N, C-alpha and C. Protein backbone atom coordinates (compact mmCIF):
# COMPACT_ATOMS: atom_id res chain seq x y z
N MET A 1 278.75 60.31 -63.46
CA MET A 1 277.84 59.98 -62.38
C MET A 1 277.40 61.26 -61.67
N SER A 2 276.22 61.17 -61.11
CA SER A 2 275.71 62.35 -60.40
C SER A 2 276.15 62.30 -58.93
N ASP A 3 276.17 63.47 -58.33
CA ASP A 3 276.55 63.55 -56.92
C ASP A 3 275.43 62.96 -56.07
N PRO A 4 275.78 62.14 -55.08
CA PRO A 4 274.72 61.59 -54.21
C PRO A 4 274.14 62.70 -53.34
N GLN A 5 272.84 62.76 -53.30
CA GLN A 5 272.16 63.79 -52.51
C GLN A 5 271.72 63.18 -51.18
N PRO A 6 271.83 63.97 -50.14
CA PRO A 6 271.35 63.45 -48.84
C PRO A 6 269.84 63.25 -48.89
N PRO A 7 269.35 62.30 -48.12
CA PRO A 7 267.90 62.06 -48.15
C PRO A 7 267.14 63.30 -47.65
N ALA A 8 266.01 63.52 -48.26
CA ALA A 8 265.19 64.68 -47.89
C ALA A 8 264.63 64.47 -46.49
N LYS A 9 264.62 65.55 -45.71
CA LYS A 9 264.06 65.47 -44.36
C LYS A 9 262.54 65.45 -44.44
N PRO A 10 261.91 64.64 -43.62
CA PRO A 10 260.44 64.64 -43.63
C PRO A 10 259.94 65.98 -43.07
N PRO A 11 258.81 66.43 -43.53
CA PRO A 11 258.28 67.72 -43.05
C PRO A 11 257.95 67.65 -41.56
N ARG A 12 258.18 68.75 -40.88
CA ARG A 12 257.86 68.83 -39.45
C ARG A 12 256.51 69.51 -39.30
N TYR A 13 255.54 68.74 -38.90
CA TYR A 13 254.19 69.28 -38.76
C TYR A 13 254.03 69.97 -37.41
N LYS A 14 253.28 71.06 -37.40
CA LYS A 14 253.04 71.80 -36.16
C LYS A 14 251.70 71.44 -35.54
N TRP A 15 250.76 70.89 -36.33
CA TRP A 15 249.43 70.64 -35.80
C TRP A 15 249.41 69.61 -34.68
N PRO A 16 250.29 68.58 -34.66
CA PRO A 16 250.23 67.66 -33.51
C PRO A 16 250.57 68.36 -32.19
N TRP A 17 251.47 69.33 -32.25
CA TRP A 17 251.82 70.06 -31.03
C TRP A 17 250.66 70.93 -30.57
N VAL A 18 249.92 71.50 -31.52
CA VAL A 18 248.75 72.31 -31.17
C VAL A 18 247.69 71.43 -30.54
N VAL A 19 247.47 70.26 -31.10
CA VAL A 19 246.49 69.33 -30.54
C VAL A 19 246.92 68.87 -29.14
N LEU A 20 248.19 68.57 -28.97
CA LEU A 20 248.70 68.16 -27.66
C LEU A 20 248.52 69.26 -26.63
N ALA A 21 248.82 70.50 -27.01
CA ALA A 21 248.64 71.63 -26.10
C ALA A 21 247.17 71.81 -25.72
N ALA A 22 246.26 71.62 -26.68
CA ALA A 22 244.83 71.75 -26.40
C ALA A 22 244.36 70.65 -25.45
N VAL A 23 244.84 69.44 -25.63
CA VAL A 23 244.46 68.33 -24.74
C VAL A 23 244.98 68.57 -23.33
N ILE A 24 246.22 69.01 -23.22
CA ILE A 24 246.79 69.29 -21.89
C ILE A 24 246.03 70.42 -21.21
N LEU A 25 245.72 71.47 -21.96
CA LEU A 25 244.95 72.58 -21.39
C LEU A 25 243.57 72.12 -20.95
N PHE A 26 242.93 71.26 -21.75
CA PHE A 26 241.61 70.73 -21.39
C PHE A 26 241.67 69.94 -20.09
N VAL A 27 242.69 69.11 -19.94
CA VAL A 27 242.82 68.29 -18.73
C VAL A 27 243.04 69.19 -17.51
N ILE A 28 243.88 70.18 -17.64
CA ILE A 28 244.15 71.09 -16.51
C ILE A 28 242.89 71.85 -16.13
N LEU A 29 242.18 72.38 -17.11
CA LEU A 29 240.94 73.11 -16.81
C LEU A 29 239.87 72.19 -16.23
N ALA A 30 239.80 70.95 -16.69
CA ALA A 30 238.81 70.01 -16.13
C ALA A 30 239.12 69.70 -14.68
N ILE A 31 240.40 69.55 -14.34
CA ILE A 31 240.77 69.28 -12.95
C ILE A 31 240.43 70.48 -12.07
N ILE A 32 240.71 71.68 -12.53
CA ILE A 32 240.38 72.88 -11.75
C ILE A 32 238.87 73.00 -11.58
N TRP A 33 238.13 72.78 -12.68
CA TRP A 33 236.68 72.89 -12.64
C TRP A 33 236.07 71.87 -11.67
N MET A 34 236.58 70.64 -11.71
CA MET A 34 236.07 69.61 -10.80
C MET A 34 236.41 69.95 -9.35
N GLY A 35 237.55 70.57 -9.13
CA GLY A 35 237.91 71.00 -7.77
C GLY A 35 236.89 71.98 -7.21
N PHE A 36 236.49 72.95 -8.04
CA PHE A 36 235.47 73.90 -7.59
C PHE A 36 234.12 73.23 -7.39
N ALA A 37 233.79 72.28 -8.25
CA ALA A 37 232.51 71.57 -8.12
C ALA A 37 232.48 70.74 -6.83
N VAL A 38 233.58 70.07 -6.52
CA VAL A 38 233.64 69.28 -5.29
C VAL A 38 233.54 70.18 -4.07
N GLN A 39 234.21 71.32 -4.13
CA GLN A 39 234.15 72.27 -3.01
C GLN A 39 232.71 72.77 -2.81
N LYS A 40 232.00 73.04 -3.90
CA LYS A 40 230.62 73.51 -3.80
C LYS A 40 229.73 72.43 -3.18
N VAL A 41 229.91 71.18 -3.60
CA VAL A 41 229.10 70.08 -3.06
C VAL A 41 229.40 69.91 -1.57
N ARG A 42 230.65 70.00 -1.18
CA ARG A 42 231.00 69.87 0.23
C ARG A 42 230.37 70.98 1.06
N GLN A 43 230.32 72.19 0.51
CA GLN A 43 229.70 73.30 1.24
C GLN A 43 228.20 73.06 1.37
N GLU A 44 227.57 72.59 0.30
CA GLU A 44 226.13 72.33 0.35
C GLU A 44 225.81 71.22 1.34
N ARG A 45 226.62 70.19 1.40
CA ARG A 45 226.39 69.11 2.36
C ARG A 45 226.65 69.58 3.78
N GLY A 46 227.59 70.48 3.96
CA GLY A 46 227.91 70.96 5.29
C GLY A 46 226.79 71.78 5.90
N PHE A 47 226.03 72.50 5.06
CA PHE A 47 224.95 73.33 5.57
C PHE A 47 223.63 72.59 5.66
N SER A 48 223.59 71.36 5.19
CA SER A 48 222.35 70.60 5.19
C SER A 48 222.10 70.01 6.58
N PRO A 49 220.93 70.23 7.16
CA PRO A 49 220.64 69.63 8.48
C PRO A 49 220.53 68.11 8.41
N ALA A 50 220.13 67.55 7.28
CA ALA A 50 220.01 66.10 7.15
C ALA A 50 221.38 65.45 7.22
N ALA A 51 222.40 66.11 6.74
CA ALA A 51 223.74 65.55 6.77
C ALA A 51 224.28 65.50 8.19
N ARG A 52 223.89 66.46 9.02
CA ARG A 52 224.34 66.49 10.42
C ARG A 52 223.64 65.43 11.26
N ALA A 53 222.40 65.08 10.90
CA ALA A 53 221.64 64.11 11.69
C ALA A 53 222.18 62.71 11.52
N ARG A 54 222.84 62.42 10.43
CA ARG A 54 223.33 61.06 10.17
C ARG A 54 224.51 60.73 10.97
């Protein structure tokens, strides 16, 4: 009889981790970018005379 061999380990792929890191980086950069956009809109509304009249 032959010696029983342990089952082969499935390959460990690295690309899912790269995709996950890219998605997380995208979300973080989108949040930062939106923060700057909101700040710019607030500044523009603050200097508008029409906004003060309301």
